[in-house]
C-alpha atoms as a PDB file:
ATOM      1  CA  MET A   1      48.042 -58.352 269.859  1.00  0.00           C
ATOM      2  CA  ARG A   2      51.175 -60.326 270.360  1.00  0.00           C
ATOM      3  CA  ARG A   3      54.729 -59.698 271.306  1.00  0.00           C
ATOM      4  CA  ILE A   4      57.384 -61.564 269.290  1.00  0.00           C
ATOM      5  CA  VAL A   5      60.909 -61.207 270.516  1.00  0.00           C
ATOM      6  CA  LEU A   6      63.196 -63.526 268.609  1.00  0.00           C
ATOM      7  CA  GLY A   7      67.581 -63.480 270.339  1.00  0.00           C
ATOM      8  CA  LEU A   8      70.436 -64.772 267.626  1.00  0.00           C
ATOM      9  CA  GLY A   9      73.396 -66.686 268.774  1.00  0.00           C
ATOM     10  CA  LEU A  10      76.270 -68.479 266.857  1.00  0.00           C
ATOM     11  CA  ALA A  11      78.097 -71.346 266.649  1.00  0.00           C
ATOM     12  CA  ILE A  12      81.480 -72.086 264.405  1.00  0.00           C
ATOM     13  CA  ALA A  13      82.461 -75.208 263.966  1.00  0.00           C
ATOM     14  CA  ALA A  14      85.468 -76.266 261.453  1.00  0.00           C
ATOM     15  CA  ALA A  15      86.908 -79.316 259.675  1.00  0.00           C
ATOM     16  CA  LEU A  16      90.367 -79.655 260.618  1.00  0.00           C
ATOM     17  CA  ALA A  17      93.188 -81.304 258.351  1.00  0.00           C
ATOM     18  CA  SER A  18      96.202 -83.038 260.545  1.00  0.00           C
ATOM     19  CA  GLY A  19      99.861 -81.314 260.889  1.00  0.00           C
ATOM     20  CA  GLY A  20     102.543 -81.444 258.493  1.00  0.00           C
ATOM     21  CA  TYR A  21     106.332 -83.567 258.937  1.00  0.00           C
ATOM     22  CA  SER A  22     109.692 -83.541 258.520  1.00  0.00           C
ATOM     23  CA  ASP A  23     111.854 -86.517 257.450  1.00  0.00           C
ATOM     24  CA  ALA A  24     115.677 -86.669 256.160  1.00  0.00           C
ATOM     25  CA  GLU A  25     116.560 -88.042 253.399  1.00  0.00           C
ATOM     26  CA  GLN A  26     120.129 -90.371 252.393  1.00  0.00           C
ATOM     27  CA  ASN A  27     121.729 -87.927 249.912  1.00  0.00           C
ATOM     28  CA  GLY A  28     121.939 -85.845 253.412  1.00  0.00           C
ATOM     29  CA  ALA A  29     119.720 -82.991 252.012  1.00  0.00           C
ATOM     30  CA  ALA A  30     116.869 -82.062 254.663  1.00  0.00           C
ATOM     31  CA  LYS A  31     113.283 -82.451 253.086  1.00  0.00           C
ATOM     32  CA  ALA A  32     110.533 -80.138 254.809  1.00  0.00           C
ATOM     33  CA  THR A  33     107.130 -80.169 254.102  1.00  0.00           C
ATOM     34  CA  TRP A  34     103.858 -77.985 255.771  1.00  0.00           C
ATOM     35  CA  LYS A  35     100.283 -78.337 255.489  1.00  0.00           C
ATOM     36  CA  VAL A  36      97.747 -75.147 255.908  1.00  0.00           C
ATOM     37  CA  LEU A  37      94.898 -76.319 258.138  1.00  0.00           C
ATOM     38  CA  PRO A  38      91.612 -74.602 256.827  1.00  0.00           C
ATOM     39  CA  SER A  39      90.134 -72.504 259.022  1.00  0.00           C
ATOM     40  CA  ILE A  40      86.838 -70.982 259.516  1.00  0.00           C
ATOM     41  CA  ASN A  41      85.267 -67.456 261.284  1.00  0.00           C
ATOM     42  CA  ALA A  42      82.075 -66.360 260.986  1.00  0.00           C
ATOM     43  CA  SER A  43      79.687 -63.905 262.482  1.00  0.00           C
ATOM     44  CA  VAL A  44      76.428 -62.869 262.522  1.00  0.00           C
ATOM     45  CA  THR A  45      74.781 -59.420 262.926  1.00  0.00           C
ATOM     46  CA  PRO A  46      71.433 -58.492 263.806  1.00  0.00           C
ATOM     47  CA  ASN A  47      69.367 -55.416 262.436  1.00  0.00           C
ATOM     48  CA  TYR A  48      72.472 -55.037 260.097  1.00  0.00           C
ATOM     49  CA  GLN A  49      71.044 -52.612 257.362  1.00  0.00           C
ATOM     50  CA  THR A  50      69.242 -49.073 258.477  1.00  0.00           C
ATOM     51  CA  GLY A  51      65.457 -49.478 257.630  1.00  0.00           C
ATOM     52  CA  PHE A  52      65.769 -52.802 259.409  1.00  0.00           C
ATOM     53  CA  GLY A  53      62.538 -53.980 260.902  1.00  0.00           C
ATOM     54  CA  PRO A  54      58.360 -55.209 260.728  1.00  0.00           C
ATOM     55  CA  GLN A  55      56.570 -54.824 257.826  1.00  0.00           C
ATOM     56  CA  GLY A  56      52.929 -56.219 257.043  1.00  0.00           C
ATOM     57  CA  GLY A  57      50.066 -57.383 258.952  1.00  0.00           C
ATOM     58  CA  THR A  58      48.080 -55.561 256.295  1.00  0.00           C
ATOM     59  CA  GLY A  59      44.373 -55.204 257.567  1.00  0.00           C
ATOM     60  CA  SER A  60      45.422 -55.501 260.985  1.00  0.00           C
ATOM     61  CA  GLY A  61      44.971 -52.051 261.819  1.00  0.00           C
ATOM     62  CA  ALA A  62      48.505 -51.415 263.847  1.00  0.00           C
ATOM     63  CA  SER A  63      51.490 -50.145 262.227  1.00  0.00           C
ATOM     64  CA  PRO A  64      53.951 -52.417 262.788  1.00  0.00           C
ATOM     65  CA  ALA A  65      57.889 -51.327 264.259  1.00  0.00           C
ATOM     66  CA  PRO A  66      60.990 -52.819 265.812  1.00  0.00           C
ATOM     67  CA  GLY A  67      60.928 -53.632 269.415  1.00  0.00           C
ATOM     68  CA  SER A  68      62.904 -51.931 272.081  1.00  0.00           C
ATOM     69  CA  ALA A  69      65.248 -54.913 271.642  1.00  0.00           C
ATOM     70  CA  ALA A  70      66.555 -54.616 268.283  1.00  0.00           C
ATOM     71  CA  THR A  71      69.165 -51.162 267.451  1.00  0.00           C
ATOM     72  CA  LEU A  72      71.065 -50.951 264.241  1.00  0.00           C
ATOM     73  CA  ASP A  73      74.134 -53.776 263.661  1.00  0.00           C
ATOM     74  CA  GLY A  74      72.703 -55.286 267.238  1.00  0.00           C
ATOM     75  CA  GLY A  75      70.570 -56.510 269.920  1.00  0.00           C
ATOM     76  CA  TYR A  76      67.429 -58.773 269.228  1.00  0.00           C
ATOM     77  CA  VAL A  77      65.551 -58.770 265.990  1.00  0.00           C
ATOM     78  CA  ASP A  78      62.772 -57.975 267.823  1.00  0.00           C
ATOM     79  CA  PHE A  79      58.996 -58.347 266.347  1.00  0.00           C
ATOM     80  CA  GLY A  80      57.254 -55.887 268.458  1.00  0.00           C
ATOM     81  CA  THR A  81      53.362 -56.165 268.913  1.00  0.00           C
ATOM     82  CA  VAL A  82      51.952 -58.111 265.896  1.00  0.00           C
ATOM     83  CA  VAL A  83      48.599 -59.422 265.918  1.00  0.00           C
ATOM     84  CA  ALA A  84      47.034 -62.538 265.670  1.00  0.00           C
ATOM     85  CA  GLY A  85      45.942 -63.866 262.673  1.00  0.00           C
ATOM     86  CA  TYR A  86      48.510 -61.964 260.076  1.00  0.00           C
ATOM     87  CA  GLN A  87      52.025 -61.811 258.535  1.00  0.00           C
ATOM     88  CA  TYR A  88      55.014 -59.921 258.740  1.00  0.00           C
ATOM     89  CA  VAL A  89      58.271 -59.359 256.961  1.00  0.00           C
ATOM     90  CA  TYR A  90      61.519 -58.369 259.335  1.00  0.00           C
ATOM     91  CA  LYS A  91      63.947 -56.935 256.649  1.00  0.00           C
ATOM     92  CA  TYR A  92      67.627 -56.778 257.447  1.00  0.00           C
ATOM     93  CA  ALA A  93      66.924 -59.628 259.914  1.00  0.00           C
ATOM     94  CA  ALA A  94      70.677 -61.130 260.113  1.00  0.00           C
ATOM     95  CA  GLN A  95      73.780 -61.198 258.150  1.00  0.00           C
ATOM     96  CA  VAL A  96      76.245 -64.209 258.146  1.00  0.00           C
ATOM     97  CA  LYS A  97      79.646 -63.079 257.744  1.00  0.00           C
ATOM     98  CA  VAL A  98      81.684 -66.202 256.683  1.00  0.00           C
ATOM     99  CA  MET A  99      85.559 -66.172 256.093  1.00  0.00           C
ATOM    100  CA  THR A 100      87.965 -69.063 254.827  1.00  0.00           C
ATOM    101  CA  ASN A 101      90.918 -70.825 253.413  1.00  0.00           C
ATOM    102  CA  ASP A 102      89.040 -73.915 252.754  1.00  0.00           C
ATOM    103  CA  ALA A 103      89.562 -74.543 248.728  1.00  0.00           C
ATOM    104  CA  LEU A 104      86.760 -76.269 248.818  1.00  0.00           C
ATOM    105  CA  GLY A 105      84.519 -73.396 250.603  1.00  0.00           C
ATOM    106  CA  PHE A 106      81.492 -73.489 253.138  1.00  0.00           C
ATOM    107  CA  LYS A 107      78.309 -73.722 254.375  1.00  0.00           C
ATOM    108  CA  VAL A 108      76.138 -72.299 256.868  1.00  0.00           C
ATOM    109  CA  PHE A 109      73.219 -73.662 259.062  1.00  0.00           C
ATOM    110  CA  ALA A 110      70.653 -72.312 261.249  1.00  0.00           C
ATOM    111  CA  GLU A 111      69.018 -74.469 263.540  1.00  0.00           C
ATOM    112  CA  GLY A 112      66.075 -73.006 266.958  1.00  0.00           C
ATOM    113  CA  THR A 113      67.459 -73.880 269.800  1.00  0.00           C
ATOM    114  CA  SER A 114      63.837 -74.375 271.198  1.00  0.00           C
ATOM    115  CA  GLU A 115      60.597 -73.723 270.106  1.00  0.00           C
ATOM    116  CA  PHE A 116      58.973 -69.805 270.850  1.00  0.00           C
ATOM    117  CA  THR A 117      58.191 -69.934 274.167  1.00  0.00           C
ATOM    118  CA  GLY A 118      55.931 -67.612 276.096  1.00  0.00           C
ATOM    119  CA  SER A 119      57.233 -65.804 279.288  1.00  0.00           C
ATOM    120  CA  LEU A 120      53.609 -67.194 280.584  1.00  0.00           C
ATOM    121  CA  GLY A 121      54.647 -70.745 279.662  1.00  0.00           C
ATOM    122  CA  SER A 122      52.667 -71.580 276.278  1.00  0.00           C
ATOM    123  CA  THR A 123      54.717 -72.576 273.295  1.00  0.00           C
ATOM    124  CA  ILE A 124      54.526 -72.211 270.267  1.00  0.00           C
ATOM    125  CA  THR A 125      56.172 -74.867 267.423  1.00  0.00           C
ATOM    126  CA  MET A 126      59.357 -72.657 265.184  1.00  0.00           C
ATOM    127  CA  ASP A 127      58.716 -73.993 262.082  1.00  0.00           C
ATOM    128  CA  SER A 128      55.025 -72.905 262.113  1.00  0.00           C
ATOM    129  CA  VAL A 129      55.752 -69.483 262.850  1.00  0.00           C
ATOM    130  CA  LEU A 130      59.252 -68.300 261.550  1.00  0.00           C
ATOM    131  CA  PHE A 131      60.931 -68.342 257.875  1.00  0.00           C
ATOM    132  CA  TRP A 132      63.224 -67.053 256.159  1.00  0.00           C
ATOM    133  CA  MET A 133      64.495 -65.894 253.066  1.00  0.00           C
ATOM    134  CA  LEU A 134      67.582 -64.284 251.372  1.00  0.00           C
ATOM    135  CA  SER A 135      67.570 -60.363 252.196  1.00  0.00           C
ATOM    136  CA  SER A 136      65.932 -58.811 248.457  1.00  0.00           C
ATOM    137  CA  SER A 137      63.849 -55.435 247.841  1.00  0.00           C
ATOM    138  CA  GLY A 138      61.356 -57.217 246.897  1.00  0.00           C
ATOM    139  CA  ASN A 139      60.573 -58.976 249.807  1.00  0.00           C
ATOM    140  CA  THR A 140      57.063 -59.604 251.588  1.00  0.00           C
ATOM    141  CA  GLN A 141      54.919 -60.832 254.134  1.00  0.00           C
ATOM    142  CA  TYR A 142      53.424 -62.944 251.563  1.00  0.00           C
ATOM    143  CA  SER A 143      57.077 -63.968 249.946  1.00  0.00           C
ATOM    144  CA  ALA A 144      57.809 -67.972 249.397  1.00  0.00           C
ATOM    145  CA  ALA A 145      59.711 -68.363 252.541  1.00  0.00           C
ATOM    146  CA  THR A 146      61.667 -71.629 254.389  1.00  0.00           C
ATOM    147  CA  PRO A 147      60.982 -72.371 257.740  1.00  0.00           C
ATOM    148  CA  PHE A 148      63.247 -72.310 260.423  1.00  0.00           C
ATOM    149  CA  TYR A 149      63.366 -75.922 262.350  1.00  0.00           C
ATOM    150  CA  THR A 150      64.405 -76.347 265.777  1.00  0.00           C
ATOM    151  CA  THR A 151      66.898 -79.438 267.891  1.00  0.00           C
ATOM    152  CA  ASN A 152      62.975 -80.556 268.484  1.00  0.00           C
ATOM    153  CA  ASN A 153      62.797 -81.866 264.760  1.00  0.00           C
ATOM    154  CA  THR A 154      66.405 -82.995 264.443  1.00  0.00           C
ATOM    155  CA  GLY A 155      67.648 -84.668 267.368  1.00  0.00           C
ATOM    156  CA  ASP A 156      70.517 -82.144 268.214  1.00  0.00           C
ATOM    157  CA  THR A 157      71.391 -80.797 271.562  1.00  0.00           C
ATOM    158  CA  PRO A 158      70.964 -77.325 272.695  1.00  0.00           C
ATOM    159  CA  THR A 159      73.906 -76.495 275.033  1.00  0.00           C
ATOM    160  CA  ASN A 160      75.405 -73.097 276.644  1.00  0.00           C
ATOM    161  CA  GLY A 161      72.342 -72.438 277.439  1.00  0.00           C
ATOM    162  CA  GLY A 162      70.732 -72.335 273.903  1.00  0.00           C
ATOM    163  CA  LEU A 163      73.882 -70.169 272.414  1.00  0.00           C
ATOM    164  CA  ASN A 164      75.124 -73.500 270.932  1.00  0.00           C
ATOM    165  CA  VAL A 165      74.389 -77.015 269.008  1.00  0.00           C
ATOM    166  CA  THR A 166      75.559 -80.492 269.832  1.00  0.00           C
ATOM    167  CA  PHE A 167      75.005 -81.584 266.354  1.00  0.00           C
ATOM    168  CA  ALA A 168      73.598 -85.560 266.639  1.00  0.00           C
ATOM    169  CA  ASN A 169      75.192 -86.516 262.844  1.00  0.00           C
ATOM    170  CA  GLY A 170      76.212 -83.296 261.434  1.00  0.00           C
ATOM    171  CA  PRO A 171      74.538 -80.499 260.950  1.00  0.00           C
ATOM    172  CA  PRO A 172      71.034 -81.321 259.136  1.00  0.00           C
ATOM    173  CA  SER A 173      70.712 -80.545 255.609  1.00  0.00           C
ATOM    174  CA  GLN A 174      66.955 -79.339 256.419  1.00  0.00           C
ATOM    175  CA  THR A 175      68.655 -76.726 257.875  1.00  0.00           C
ATOM    176  CA  LEU A 176      71.004 -75.349 255.267  1.00  0.00           C
ATOM    177  CA  ILE A 177      70.505 -72.123 254.717  1.00  0.00           C
ATOM    178  CA  TYR A 178      73.646 -70.430 252.365  1.00  0.00           C
ATOM    179  CA  SER A 179      76.488 -72.094 251.153  1.00  0.00           C
ATOM    180  CA  SER A 180      79.569 -71.298 248.535  1.00  0.00           C
ATOM    181  CA  SER A 181      81.883 -73.610 247.078  1.00  0.00           C
ATOM    182  CA  THR A 182      85.582 -70.818 246.782  1.00  0.00           C
ATOM    183  CA  GLN A 183      87.547 -69.683 249.804  1.00  0.00           C
ATOM    184  CA  GLY A 184      87.946 -66.081 250.524  1.00  0.00           C
ATOM    185  CA  THR A 185      84.993 -63.970 252.840  1.00  0.00           C
ATOM    186  CA  SER A 186      81.219 -63.666 252.075  1.00  0.00           C
ATOM    187  CA  THR A 187      78.440 -61.993 253.059  1.00  0.00           C
ATOM    188  CA  GLN A 188      74.725 -62.490 252.580  1.00  0.00           C
ATOM    189  CA  GLY A 189      71.614 -61.150 254.575  1.00  0.00           C
ATOM    190  CA  PHE A 190      68.373 -62.644 255.504  1.00  0.00           C
ATOM    191  CA  ASP A 191      64.755 -61.526 255.905  1.00  0.00           C
ATOM    192  CA  TYR A 192      62.497 -63.279 258.273  1.00  0.00           C
ATOM    193  CA  GLN A 193      59.390 -63.777 257.941  1.00  0.00           C
ATOM    194  CA  ILE A 194      56.649 -64.370 260.763  1.00  0.00           C
ATOM    195  CA  ARG A 195      52.875 -66.423 259.992  1.00  0.00           C
ATOM    196  CA  VAL A 196      51.263 -65.258 264.037  1.00  0.00           C
ATOM    197  CA  PRO A 197      48.647 -68.351 264.563  1.00  0.00           C
ATOM    198  CA  GLU A 198      45.036 -66.543 265.174  1.00  0.00           C
ATOM    199  CA  THR A 199      44.438 -68.881 268.586  1.00  0.00           C
ATOM    200  CA  VAL A 200      47.947 -67.865 269.891  1.00  0.00           C
ATOM    201  CA  ALA A 201      47.736 -66.670 273.380  1.00  0.00           C
ATOM    202  CA  THR A 202      48.338 -62.963 274.805  1.00  0.00           C
ATOM    203  CA  ASP A 203      52.047 -62.857 276.087  1.00  0.00           C
ATOM    204  CA  THR A 204      55.730 -62.331 274.845  1.00  0.00           C
ATOM    205  CA  PHE A 205      57.504 -64.818 272.861  1.00  0.00           C
ATOM    206  CA  THR A 206      61.591 -65.987 272.582  1.00  0.00           C
ATOM    207  CA  ALA A 207      63.638 -68.023 270.904  1.00  0.00           C
ATOM    208  CA  ILE A 208      67.216 -68.752 269.561  1.00  0.00           C
ATOM    209  CA  VAL A 209      68.621 -69.339 266.235  1.00  0.00           C
ATOM    210  CA  VAL A 210      72.341 -70.427 266.428  1.00  0.00           C
ATOM    211  CA  TYR A 211      74.083 -70.581 262.985  1.00  0.00           C
ATOM    212  CA  THR A 212      76.575 -72.434 262.404  1.00  0.00           C
ATOM    213  CA  ALA A 213      79.597 -72.454 260.055  1.00  0.00           C
ATOM    214  CA  VAL A 214      81.614 -75.212 258.914  1.00  0.00           C
ATOM    215  CA  ALA A 215      84.079 -75.462 256.266  1.00  0.00           C
ATOM    216  CA  ASN A 216      83.396 -78.001 253.335  1.00  0.00           C
END
């Protein structure tokens, strides 16, 4: 059996417009103008709903359960003990909440800042193991899902101990996971899926996924 632990980080980026100005007209009247700068605030909540945790591993002989690092509305996305060669879905893994006054809306990107790294030094490429889906009651370990990519794929640079990302040329398009074309507050939940390789070494594996919200 193999233990997989996934941590979550959050980075926030926003595009800002230039400031306002004022000038005086010849007739002596004063003209004042001002602009409201686009702003964006975002948060990520792991294990955001009761019933969170892994399901699946059918036929493995083991009953999946979240590990000790997973707590309601916090902690890690901890898959607990999983079995090599089997697939699992982690329900209610993460919820992203975005608030913006930008009339054009926003985009949310998610990117791993490392591959899965074992405590004994072995690694597993994230895009072959960890996948995401919009949360749905019908999601299973076999549902179609999209891989998480890492900075090793995109050429971006992890910073702040892997909790932030410095983009080489803006957020990579393959890491886009959610978007909205309107202003206001938007919330979206995500389920994760893990496909454990048959040949993975017995170890505890950890990785960090950074979510970045960008105003349009």
